[in-house]
Amino acid sequence: MAEISFDDFLKVDIRVGQVVRAEAFPEARKPAIKMWIDFGPEIGERKTSAQVTVHYTPETLIGRRVMAVVNFPPRQIGPVRSEVLVLGVADADGAVVLLSPDRDVPLGGRMH
């Protein structure tokens, strides 16, 4: 894996947000869920989709805190304009497990 500088790392803006709305995304090529995530007053609400259907349903995502990259340019994923990249790690079977803070932190808090 290529090394990057600390300055390169600082360019990636990773923030905590809370899922305020989620729904199935049947139009996606691979099973996915659409999410609307609140990143607090500075950033506001952003929309995305993620292939997280093995461990999550739309109902279990609502209220969940997640970590996401908020400064990538938007991407069109079928009919959805994805505005953030939600972060996760694959489990032993390759299914995504979302990353989240383990303590209560302010919405929009930046990862250090």
Protein backbone atom coordinates (compact mmCIF):
# COMPACT_ATOMS: atom_id res chain seq x y z
CA MET A 1 0.00 0.00 0.00
CA ALA A 2 1.32 3.44 -0.90
CA GLU A 3 2.22 5.79 1.92
CA ILE A 4 0.62 9.22 2.14
CA SER A 5 1.72 12.29 4.03
CA PHE A 6 -0.02 13.54 7.15
CA ASP A 7 -1.09 16.59 5.13
CA ASP A 8 -2.80 14.25 2.65
CA PHE A 9 -4.66 12.57 5.52
CA LEU A 10 -5.83 15.95 6.84
CA LYS A 11 -7.51 16.65 3.48
CA VAL A 12 -10.00 13.83 4.14
CA ASP A 13 -12.87 15.32 6.18
CA ILE A 14 -14.42 12.48 8.22
CA ARG A 15 -17.37 13.49 10.41
CA VAL A 16 -19.93 11.85 12.66
CA GLY A 17 -23.55 12.00 11.59
CA GLN A 18 -26.85 10.50 12.61
CA VAL A 19 -29.14 8.65 10.23
CA VAL A 20 -32.48 10.49 10.26
CA ARG A 21 -34.16 8.63 7.40
CA ALA A 22 -33.47 5.37 5.58
CA GLU A 23 -35.23 3.35 2.91
CA ALA A 24 -34.65 0.39 0.65
CA PHE A 25 -32.92 1.09 -2.67
CA PRO A 26 -34.34 -1.61 -4.98
CA GLU A 27 -33.01 0.13 -8.12
CA ALA A 28 -29.40 -0.49 -7.05
CA ARG A 29 -27.43 -3.22 -8.87
CA LYS A 30 -26.39 -4.72 -5.52
CA PRO A 31 -28.71 -4.61 -2.48
CA ALA A 32 -28.38 -1.21 -0.80
CA ILE A 33 -30.10 1.23 1.51
CA LYS A 34 -30.57 4.97 0.93
CA MET A 35 -29.77 7.12 3.97
CA TRP A 36 -30.24 10.74 4.92
CA ILE A 37 -27.65 11.68 7.54
CA ASP A 38 -27.63 14.77 9.78
CA PHE A 39 -24.11 16.18 10.30
CA GLY A 40 -25.19 19.08 12.51
CA PRO A 41 -25.68 22.78 11.75
CA GLU A 42 -22.35 23.38 9.98
CA ILE A 43 -22.82 20.70 7.29
CA GLY A 44 -26.52 19.84 7.52
CA GLU A 45 -28.24 16.80 6.10
CA ARG A 46 -26.61 14.76 3.32
CA LYS A 47 -27.86 11.79 1.31
CA THR A 48 -26.06 8.58 0.38
CA SER A 49 -26.56 4.90 -0.31
CA ALA A 50 -24.62 1.97 1.05
CA GLN A 51 -24.46 -1.79 0.54
CA VAL A 52 -25.18 -2.63 4.16
CA THR A 53 -28.26 -4.85 3.84
CA VAL A 54 -26.71 -7.96 5.45
CA HIS A 55 -26.41 -6.41 8.93
CA TYR A 56 -28.90 -3.52 8.75
CA THR A 57 -32.44 -2.68 7.69
CA PRO A 58 -33.74 0.84 7.08
CA GLU A 59 -35.51 0.68 10.46
CA THR A 60 -32.37 -0.31 12.41
CA LEU A 61 -30.33 2.49 10.80
CA ILE A 62 -32.56 5.35 11.96
CA GLY A 63 -30.93 7.08 14.92
CA ARG A 64 -27.60 5.28 14.40
CA ARG A 65 -24.44 7.38 14.49
CA VAL A 66 -22.08 6.75 11.58
CA MET A 67 -18.74 8.05 10.31
CA ALA A 68 -18.55 9.42 6.78
CA VAL A 69 -16.28 11.32 4.42
CA VAL A 70 -18.08 14.60 3.71
CA ASN A 71 -15.71 16.30 1.26
CA PHE A 72 -15.75 13.94 -1.73
CA PRO A 73 -17.55 15.32 -4.79
CA PRO A 74 -21.12 13.97 -5.17
CA ARG A 75 -21.53 10.76 -7.22
CA GLN A 76 -24.56 9.68 -9.16
CA ILE A 77 -25.47 6.09 -8.21
CA GLY A 78 -28.43 5.23 -10.41
CA PRO A 79 -31.21 7.62 -9.40
CA VAL A 80 -29.45 8.63 -6.15
CA ARG A 81 -26.99 11.51 -5.86
CA SER A 82 -24.62 10.31 -3.15
CA GLU A 83 -23.21 13.26 -1.22
CA VAL A 84 -21.09 11.45 1.41
CA LEU A 85 -19.21 8.16 1.74
CA VAL A 86 -20.30 6.19 4.81
CA LEU A 87 -17.41 4.21 6.29
CA GLY A 88 -17.45 0.55 7.21
CA VAL A 89 -15.33 -2.56 7.51
CA ALA A 90 -16.05 -5.94 5.93
CA ASP A 91 -16.72 -8.81 8.32
CA ALA A 92 -15.32 -12.32 7.75
CA ASP A 93 -17.98 -12.94 5.08
CA GLY A 94 -17.43 -9.62 3.28
CA ALA A 95 -20.57 -7.89 4.61
CA VAL A 96 -20.13 -4.26 5.65
CA VAL A 97 -20.22 -3.27 9.33
CA LEU A 98 -20.58 0.49 9.77
CA LEU A 99 -18.05 2.51 11.75
CA SER A 100 -19.43 4.62 14.58
CA PRO A 101 -18.15 6.43 17.68
CA ASP A 102 -18.43 4.45 20.92
CA ARG A 103 -19.27 7.55 23.00
CA ASP A 104 -21.75 10.40 22.59
CA VAL A 105 -20.09 13.09 20.48
CA PRO A 106 -21.58 16.15 18.75
CA LEU A 107 -23.05 15.70 15.29
CA GLY A 108 -20.59 16.99 12.72
CA GLY A 109 -17.62 16.30 14.99
CA ARG A 110 -14.50 15.80 12.88
CA MET A 111 -12.31 12.74 13.25
CA HIS A 112 -8.81 13.57 14.52
